[in-house]
Amino acid sequence: MGLFFMVIGGLFVYMGNDAKNMITDELVTQNITLGADAVEFGETPGEAVRDARTADIKSKIITLHTEGKHGVWSAQDRNS
């Protein structure tokens, strides 16, 4: 029984690493970079988004623009 759980645990670790690698590869392929607002989060503008840390910062920048500075996106003027 213990061997079974060790094998399943190993499989879960492998699958988790595979998913992380797939996401990292996709981020690099899309060539997304951090904008000027990255300075507010302690990062360099223009840095490539390649991992969870930089993706989280990009998410915070998007939130800052959609909710923080300009209000909720659905309330923004569409004609500007």
PDB file of N, CA and C in Angstrom:
ATOM      1  N   MET A   1       0.821  -1.187   0.000  1.00  0.00           N
ATOM      2  CA  MET A   1       0.000   0.000   0.000  1.00  0.00           C
ATOM      3  C   MET A   1       0.873   1.263   0.000  1.00  0.00           C
ATOM      4  N   GLY A   2       1.928   1.278   0.792  1.00  0.00           N
ATOM      5  CA  GLY A   2       2.831   2.428   0.844  1.00  0.00           C
ATOM      6  C   GLY A   2       3.500   2.671  -0.499  1.00  0.00           C
ATOM      7  N   LEU A   3       3.878   1.587  -1.174  1.00  0.00           N
ATOM      8  CA  LEU A   3       4.511   1.706  -2.487  1.00  0.00           C
ATOM      9  C   LEU A   3       3.551   2.353  -3.488  1.00  0.00           C
ATOM     10  N   PHE A   4       2.286   1.980  -3.408  1.00  0.00           N
ATOM     11  CA  PHE A   4       1.266   2.551  -4.279  1.00  0.00           C
ATOM     12  C   PHE A   4       1.209   4.071  -4.118  1.00  0.00           C
ATOM     13  N   PHE A   5       1.175   4.540  -2.866  1.00  0.00           N
ATOM     14  CA  PHE A   5       1.104   5.978  -2.619  1.00  0.00           C
ATOM     15  C   PHE A   5       2.384   6.695  -3.037  1.00  0.00           C
ATOM     16  N   MET A   6       3.521   6.030  -2.933  1.00  0.00           N
ATOM     17  CA  MET A   6       4.772   6.619  -3.392  1.00  0.00           C
ATOM     18  C   MET A   6       4.757   6.795  -4.912  1.00  0.00           C
ATOM     19  N   VAL A   7       4.248   5.803  -5.611  1.00  0.00           N
ATOM     20  CA  VAL A   7       4.166   5.885  -7.072  1.00  0.00           C
ATOM     21  C   VAL A   7       3.193   6.990  -7.485  1.00  0.00           C
ATOM     22  N   ILE A   8       2.028   7.025  -6.848  1.00  0.00           N
ATOM     23  CA  ILE A   8       1.047   8.068  -7.151  1.00  0.00           C
ATOM     24  C   ILE A   8       1.624   9.453  -6.830  1.00  0.00           C
ATOM     25  N   GLY A   9       2.319   9.586  -5.707  1.00  0.00           N
ATOM     26  CA  GLY A   9       2.947  10.859  -5.339  1.00  0.00           C
ATOM     27  C   GLY A   9       3.971  11.293  -6.378  1.00  0.00           C
ATOM     28  N   GLY A  10       4.773  10.344  -6.832  1.00  0.00           N
ATOM     29  CA  GLY A  10       5.759  10.638  -7.883  1.00  0.00           C
ATOM     30  C   GLY A  10       5.088  11.083  -9.173  1.00  0.00           C
ATOM     31  N   LEU A  11       3.970  10.448  -9.500  1.00  0.00           N
ATOM     32  CA  LEU A  11       3.215  10.820 -10.693  1.00  0.00           C
ATOM     33  C   LEU A  11       2.678  12.248 -10.574  1.00  0.00           C
ATOM     34  N   PHE A  12       2.169  12.590  -9.392  1.00  0.00           N
ATOM     35  CA  PHE A  12       1.654  13.938  -9.182  1.00  0.00           C
ATOM     36  C   PHE A  12       2.760  14.989  -9.283  1.00  0.00           C
ATOM     37  N   VAL A  13       3.928  14.692  -8.759  1.00  0.00           N
ATOM     38  CA  VAL A  13       5.065  15.614  -8.855  1.00  0.00           C
ATOM     39  C   VAL A  13       5.448  15.806 -10.319  1.00  0.00           C
ATOM     40  N   TYR A  14       5.515  14.707 -11.061  1.00  0.00           N
ATOM     41  CA  TYR A  14       5.850  14.773 -12.486  1.00  0.00           C
ATOM     42  C   TYR A  14       4.825  15.616 -13.246  1.00  0.00           C
ATOM     43  N   MET A  15       3.550  15.372 -12.988  1.00  0.00           N
ATOM     44  CA  MET A  15       2.487  16.106 -13.680  1.00  0.00           C
ATOM     45  C   MET A  15       2.528  17.598 -13.330  1.00  0.00           C
ATOM     46  N   GLY A  16       2.802  17.928 -12.069  1.00  0.00           N
ATOM     47  CA  GLY A  16       2.906  19.323 -11.657  1.00  0.00           C
ATOM     48  C   GLY A  16       4.062  20.029 -12.338  1.00  0.00           C
ATOM     49  N   ASN A  17       5.212  19.371 -12.414  1.00  0.00           N
ATOM     50  CA  ASN A  17       6.366  19.964 -13.096  1.00  0.00           C
ATOM     51  C   ASN A  17       6.106  20.120 -14.586  1.00  0.00           C
ATOM     52  N   ASP A  18       5.420  19.150 -15.179  1.00  0.00           N
ATOM     53  CA  ASP A  18       5.095  19.222 -16.596  1.00  0.00           C
ATOM     54  C   ASP A  18       4.166  20.406 -16.876  1.00  0.00           C
ATOM     55  N   ALA A  19       3.168  20.598 -16.024  1.00  0.00           N
ATOM     56  CA  ALA A  19       2.244  21.731 -16.194  1.00  0.00           C
ATOM     57  C   ALA A  19       2.995  23.058 -16.047  1.00  0.00           C
ATOM     58  N   LYS A  20       3.886  23.144 -15.081  1.00  0.00           N
ATOM     59  CA  LYS A  20       4.681  24.367 -14.881  1.00  0.00           C
ATOM     60  C   LYS A  20       5.526  24.658 -16.114  1.00  0.00           C
ATOM     61  N   ASN A  21       6.146  23.626 -16.672  1.00  0.00           N
ATOM     62  CA  ASN A  21       6.973  23.808 -17.864  1.00  0.00           C
ATOM     63  C   ASN A  21       6.138  24.228 -19.069  1.00  0.00           C
ATOM     64  N   MET A  22       4.951  23.678 -19.204  1.00  0.00           N
ATOM     65  CA  MET A  22       4.068  24.056 -20.311  1.00  0.00           C
ATOM     66  C   MET A  22       3.681  25.527 -20.212  1.00  0.00           C
ATOM     67  N   ILE A  23       3.349  25.986 -19.012  1.00  0.00           N
ATOM     68  CA  ILE A  23       2.965  27.381 -18.812  1.00  0.00           C
ATOM     69  C   ILE A  23       4.157  28.299 -19.077  1.00  0.00           C
ATOM     70  N   THR A  24       5.318  27.945 -18.580  1.00  0.00           N
ATOM     71  CA  THR A  24       6.524  28.743 -18.807  1.00  0.00           C
ATOM     72  C   THR A  24       6.824  28.847 -20.296  1.00  0.00           C
ATOM     73  N   ASP A  25       6.741  27.727 -21.014  1.00  0.00           N
ATOM     74  CA  ASP A  25       6.988  27.741 -22.456  1.00  0.00           C
ATOM     75  C   ASP A  25       5.994  28.642 -23.180  1.00  0.00           C
ATOM     76  N   GLU A  26       4.737  28.607 -22.771  1.00  0.00           N
ATOM     77  CA  GLU A  26       3.712  29.442 -23.402  1.00  0.00           C
ATOM     78  C   GLU A  26       3.961  30.920 -23.124  1.00  0.00           C
ATOM     79  N   LEU A  27       4.362  31.252 -21.908  1.00  0.00           N
ATOM     80  CA  LEU A  27       4.667  32.654 -21.582  1.00  0.00           C
ATOM     81  C   LEU A  27       5.826  33.166 -22.423  1.00  0.00           C
ATOM     82  N   VAL A  28       6.860  32.359 -22.577  1.00  0.00           N
ATOM     83  CA  VAL A  28       8.022  32.767 -23.364  1.00  0.00           C
ATOM     84  C   VAL A  28       7.634  32.915 -24.836  1.00  0.00           C
ATOM     85  N   THR A  29       6.805  32.006 -25.338  1.00  0.00           N
ATOM     86  CA  THR A  29       6.371  32.061 -26.739  1.00  0.00           C
ATOM     87  C   THR A  29       5.585  33.327 -27.034  1.00  0.00           C
ATOM     88  N   GLN A  30       4.775  33.776 -26.084  1.00  0.00           N
ATOM     89  CA  GLN A  30       3.938  34.953 -26.311  1.00  0.00           C
ATOM     90  C   GLN A  30       4.720  36.262 -26.225  1.00  0.00           C
ATOM     91  N   ASN A  31       5.938  36.225 -25.713  1.00  0.00           N
ATOM     92  CA  ASN A  31       6.821  37.402 -25.655  1.00  0.00           C
ATOM     93  C   ASN A  31       6.143  38.596 -24.973  1.00  0.00           C
ATOM     94  N   ILE A  32       5.562  38.358 -23.800  1.00  0.00           N
ATOM     95  CA  ILE A  32       4.909  39.402 -23.018  1.00  0.00           C
ATOM     96  C   ILE A  32       5.974  40.087 -22.162  1.00  0.00           C
ATOM     97  N   THR A  33       5.893  41.419 -22.082  1.00  0.00           N
ATOM     98  CA  THR A  33       6.848  42.157 -21.252  1.00  0.00           C
ATOM     99  C   THR A  33       6.103  43.023 -20.239  1.00  0.00           C
ATOM    100  N   LEU A  34       6.799  43.393 -19.189  1.00  0.00           N
ATOM    101  CA  LEU A  34       6.230  44.254 -18.167  1.00  0.00           C
ATOM    102  C   LEU A  34       6.272  45.701 -18.638  1.00  0.00           C
ATOM    103  N   GLY A  35       5.225  46.449 -18.320  1.00  0.00           N
ATOM    104  CA  GLY A  35       5.146  47.853 -18.711  1.00  0.00           C
ATOM    105  C   GLY A  35       5.839  48.763 -17.709  1.00  0.00           C
ATOM    106  N   ALA A  36       5.671  50.037 -17.917  1.00  0.00           N
ATOM    107  CA  ALA A  36       6.311  51.050 -17.064  1.00  0.00           C
ATOM    108  C   ALA A  36       5.849  50.958 -15.616  1.00  0.00           C
ATOM    109  N   ASP A  37       4.631  50.458 -15.388  1.00  0.00           N
ATOM    110  CA  ASP A  37       4.114  50.340 -14.026  1.00  0.00           C
ATOM    111  C   ASP A  37       4.812  49.256 -13.208  1.00  0.00           C
ATOM    112  N   ALA A  38       5.682  48.486 -13.823  1.00  0.00           N
ATOM    113  CA  ALA A  38       6.398  47.422 -13.108  1.00  0.00           C
ATOM    114  C   ALA A  38       7.271  47.985 -11.992  1.00  0.00           C
ATOM    115  N   VAL A  39       7.675  49.247 -12.129  1.00  0.00           N
ATOM    116  CA  VAL A  39       8.513  49.892 -11.113  1.00  0.00           C
ATOM    117  C   VAL A  39       7.789  49.914  -9.764  1.00  0.00           C
ATOM    118  N   GLU A  40       6.465  50.080  -9.787  1.00  0.00           N
ATOM    119  CA  GLU A  40       5.686  50.106  -8.552  1.00  0.00           C
ATOM    120  C   GLU A  40       5.752  48.781  -7.792  1.00  0.00           C
ATOM    121  N   PHE A  41       6.104  47.714  -8.500  1.00  0.00           N
ATOM    122  CA  PHE A  41       6.179  46.393  -7.888  1.00  0.00           C
ATOM    123  C   PHE A  41       7.617  45.901  -7.760  1.00  0.00           C
ATOM    124  N   GLY A  42       8.577  46.811  -7.955  1.00  0.00           N
ATOM    125  CA  GLY A  42       9.987  46.480  -7.756  1.00  0.00           C
ATOM    126  C   GLY A  42      10.627  45.736  -8.908  1.00  0.00           C
ATOM    127  N   GLU A  43      10.075  45.840 -10.093  1.00  0.00           N
ATOM    128  CA  GLU A  43      10.648  45.165 -11.255  1.00  0.00           C
ATOM    129  C   GLU A  43      11.060  46.177 -12.313  1.00  0.00           C
ATOM    130  N   THR A  44      11.767  45.695 -13.310  1.00  0.00           N
ATOM    131  CA  THR A  44      12.269  46.528 -14.390  1.00  0.00           C
ATOM    132  C   THR A  44      11.280  46.544 -15.554  1.00  0.00           C
ATOM    133  N   PRO A  45      10.867  47.721 -16.015  1.00  0.00           N
ATOM    134  CA  PRO A  45      10.004  47.779 -17.203  1.00  0.00           C
ATOM    135  C   PRO A  45      10.702  47.130 -18.402  1.00  0.00           C
ATOM    136  N   GLY A  46       9.945  46.402 -19.178  1.00  0.00           N
ATOM    137  CA  GLY A  46      10.494  45.719 -20.347  1.00  0.00           C
ATOM    138  C   GLY A  46      10.962  44.299 -20.066  1.00  0.00           C
ATOM    139  N   GLU A  47      10.993  43.909 -18.794  1.00  0.00           N
ATOM    140  CA  GLU A  47      11.398  42.542 -18.457  1.00  0.00           C
ATOM    141  C   GLU A  47      10.372  41.553 -18.992  1.00  0.00           C
ATOM    142  N   ALA A  48      10.845  40.447 -19.529  1.00  0.00           N
ATOM    143  CA  ALA A  48       9.952  39.433 -20.091  1.00  0.00           C
ATOM    144  C   ALA A  48       9.196  38.700 -18.982  1.00  0.00           C
ATOM    145  N   VAL A  49       7.934  38.384 -19.262  1.00  0.00           N
ATOM    146  CA  VAL A  49       7.118  37.594 -18.336  1.00  0.00           C
ATOM    147  C   VAL A  49       7.390  36.129 -18.659  1.00  0.00           C
ATOM    148  N   ARG A  50       8.128  35.439 -17.750  1.00  0.00           N
ATOM    149  CA  ARG A  50       8.500  34.049 -18.010  1.00  0.00           C
ATOM    150  C   ARG A  50       8.197  33.089 -16.876  1.00  0.00           C
ATOM    151  N   ASP A  51       7.785  33.603 -15.745  1.00  0.00           N
ATOM    152  CA  ASP A  51       7.539  32.709 -14.610  1.00  0.00           C
ATOM    153  C   ASP A  51       6.371  33.229 -13.784  1.00  0.00           C
ATOM    154  N   ALA A  52       6.061  32.512 -12.720  1.00  0.00           N
ATOM    155  CA  ALA A  52       4.903  32.867 -11.893  1.00  0.00           C
ATOM    156  C   ALA A  52       5.053  34.246 -11.256  1.00  0.00           C
ATOM    157  N   ARG A  53       6.256  34.600 -10.863  1.00  0.00           N
ATOM    158  CA  ARG A  53       6.490  35.896 -10.208  1.00  0.00           C
ATOM    159  C   ARG A  53       6.191  37.047 -11.161  1.00  0.00           C
ATOM    160  N   THR A  54       6.757  37.007 -12.362  1.00  0.00           N
ATOM    161  CA  THR A  54       6.531  38.100 -13.303  1.00  0.00           C
ATOM    162  C   THR A  54       5.102  38.074 -13.856  1.00  0.00           C
ATOM    163  N   ALA A  55       4.510  36.894 -13.992  1.00  0.00           N
ATOM    164  CA  ALA A  55       3.115  36.811 -14.431  1.00  0.00           C
ATOM    165  C   ALA A  55       2.192  37.424 -13.386  1.00  0.00           C
ATOM    166  N   ASP A  56       2.509  37.225 -12.110  1.00  0.00           N
ATOM    167  CA  ASP A  56       1.715  37.817 -11.035  1.00  0.00           C
ATOM    168  C   ASP A  56       1.824  39.344 -11.067  1.00  0.00           C
ATOM    169  N   ILE A  57       3.011  39.851 -11.323  1.00  0.00           N
ATOM    170  CA  ILE A  57       3.196  41.296 -11.414  1.00  0.00           C
ATOM    171  C   ILE A  57       2.407  41.849 -12.597  1.00  0.00           C
ATOM    172  N   LYS A  58       2.441  41.161 -13.732  1.00  0.00           N
ATOM    173  CA  LYS A  58       1.670  41.606 -14.901  1.00  0.00           C
ATOM    174  C   LYS A  58       0.182  41.612 -14.573  1.00  0.00           C
ATOM    175  N   SER A  59      -0.268  40.614 -13.836  1.00  0.00           N
ATOM    176  CA  SER A  59      -1.670  40.556 -13.417  1.00  0.00           C
ATOM    177  C   SER A  59      -2.020  41.743 -12.533  1.00  0.00           C
ATOM    178  N   LYS A  60      -1.136  42.095 -11.618  1.00  0.00           N
ATOM    179  CA  LYS A  60      -1.372  43.238 -10.739  1.00  0.00           C
ATOM    180  C   LYS A  60      -1.397  44.551 -11.520  1.00  0.00           C
ATOM    181  N   ILE A  61      -0.547  44.661 -12.545  1.00  0.00           N
ATOM    182  CA  ILE A  61      -0.540  45.859 -13.382  1.00  0.00           C
ATOM    183  C   ILE A  61      -1.856  45.977 -14.136  1.00  0.00           C
ATOM    184  N   ILE A  62      -2.346  44.865 -14.679  1.00  0.00           N
ATOM    185  CA  ILE A  62      -3.621  44.877 -15.396  1.00  0.00           C
ATOM    186  C   ILE A  62      -4.750  45.263 -14.449  1.00  0.00           C
ATOM    187  N   THR A  63      -4.736  44.715 -13.240  1.00  0.00           N
ATOM    188  CA  THR A  63      -5.752  45.068 -12.250  1.00  0.00           C
ATOM    189  C   THR A  63      -5.668  46.542 -11.890  1.00  0.00           C
ATOM    190  N   LEU A  64      -4.457  47.040 -11.749  1.00  0.00           N
ATOM    191  CA  LEU A  64      -4.256  48.456 -11.433  1.00  0.00           C
ATOM    192  C   LEU A  64      -4.900  49.336 -12.500  1.00  0.00           C
ATOM    193  N   HIS A  65      -4.746  48.959 -13.751  1.00  0.00           N
ATOM    194  CA  HIS A  65      -5.301  49.756 -14.841  1.00  0.00           C
ATOM    195  C   HIS A  65      -6.801  49.578 -14.994  1.00  0.00           C
ATOM    196  N   THR A  66      -7.307  48.386 -14.756  1.00  0.00           N
ATOM    197  CA  THR A  66      -8.735  48.155 -14.985  1.00  0.00           C
ATOM    198  C   THR A  66      -9.610  48.546 -13.810  1.00  0.00           C
ATOM    199  N   GLU A  67      -9.103  48.426 -12.593  1.00  0.00           N
ATOM    200  CA  GLU A  67      -9.922  48.733 -11.427  1.00  0.00           C
ATOM    201  C   GLU A  67      -9.372  49.894 -10.611  1.00  0.00           C
ATOM    202  N   GLY A  68      -8.061  49.966 -10.488  1.00  0.00           N
ATOM    203  CA  GLY A  68      -7.467  50.972  -9.623  1.00  0.00           C
ATOM    204  C   GLY A  68      -7.489  52.379 -10.170  1.00  0.00           C
ATOM    205  N   LYS A  69      -6.932  52.589 -11.329  1.00  0.00           N
ATOM    206  CA  LYS A  69      -6.797  53.938 -11.855  1.00  0.00           C
ATOM    207  C   LYS A  69      -8.020  54.402 -12.632  1.00  0.00           C
ATOM    208  N   HIS A  70      -8.630  53.522 -13.375  1.00  0.00           N
ATOM    209  CA  HIS A  70      -9.668  53.934 -14.317  1.00  0.00           C
ATOM    210  C   HIS A  70     -11.050  53.391 -13.981  1.00  0.00           C
ATOM    211  N   GLY A  71     -11.222  52.797 -12.828  1.00  0.00           N
ATOM    212  CA  GLY A  71     -12.503  52.206 -12.459  1.00  0.00           C
ATOM    213  C   GLY A  71     -12.681  50.838 -13.108  1.00  0.00           C
ATOM    214  N   VAL A  72     -13.793  50.243 -12.888  1.00  0.00           N
ATOM    215  CA  VAL A  72     -14.087  48.917 -13.439  1.00  0.00           C
ATOM    216  C   VAL A  72     -14.201  49.018 -14.962  1.00  0.00           C
ATOM    217  N   TRP A  73     -13.672  48.036 -15.676  1.00  0.00           N
ATOM    218  CA  TRP A  73     -13.629  48.063 -17.134  1.00  0.00           C
ATOM    219  C   TRP A  73     -14.997  48.290 -17.745  1.00  0.00           C
ATOM    220  N   SER A  74     -16.032  47.646 -17.234  1.00  0.00           N
ATOM    221  CA  SER A  74     -17.367  47.770 -17.833  1.00  0.00           C
ATOM    222  C   SER A  74     -17.928  49.184 -17.706  1.00  0.00           C
ATOM    223  N   ALA A  75     -17.363  50.001 -16.821  1.00  0.00           N
ATOM    224  CA  ALA A  75     -17.852  51.378 -16.645  1.00  0.00           C
ATOM    225  C   ALA A  75     -17.043  52.392 -17.455  1.00  0.00           C
ATOM    226  N   GLN A  76     -16.029  51.947 -18.163  1.00  0.00           N
ATOM    227  CA  GLN A  76     -15.169  52.872 -18.900  1.00  0.00           C
ATOM    228  C   GLN A  76     -15.839  53.313 -20.199  1.00  0.00           C
ATOM    229  N   ASP A  77     -15.502  54.529 -20.622  1.00  0.00           N
ATOM    230  CA  ASP A  77     -16.021  55.093 -21.862  1.00  0.00           C
ATOM    231  C   ASP A  77     -15.450  54.334 -23.049  1.00  0.00           C
ATOM    232  N   ARG A  78     -16.293  53.894 -23.940  1.00  0.00           N
ATOM    233  CA  ARG A  78     -15.870  53.107 -25.099  1.00  0.00           C
ATOM    234  C   ARG A  78     -15.430  53.979 -26.276  1.00  0.00           C
ATOM    235  N   ASN A  79     -15.718  55.254 -26.234  1.00  0.00           N
ATOM    236  CA  ASN A  79     -15.453  56.126 -27.374  1.00  0.00           C
ATOM    237  C   ASN A  79     -14.152  56.907 -27.273  1.00  0.00           C
ATOM    238  N   SER A  80     -13.358  56.627 -26.271  1.00  0.00           N
ATOM    239  CA  SER A  80     -12.108  57.400 -26.136  1.00  0.00           C
ATOM    240  C   SER A  80     -10.927  56.629 -26.659  1.00  0.00           C
TER     241      SER A  80
END
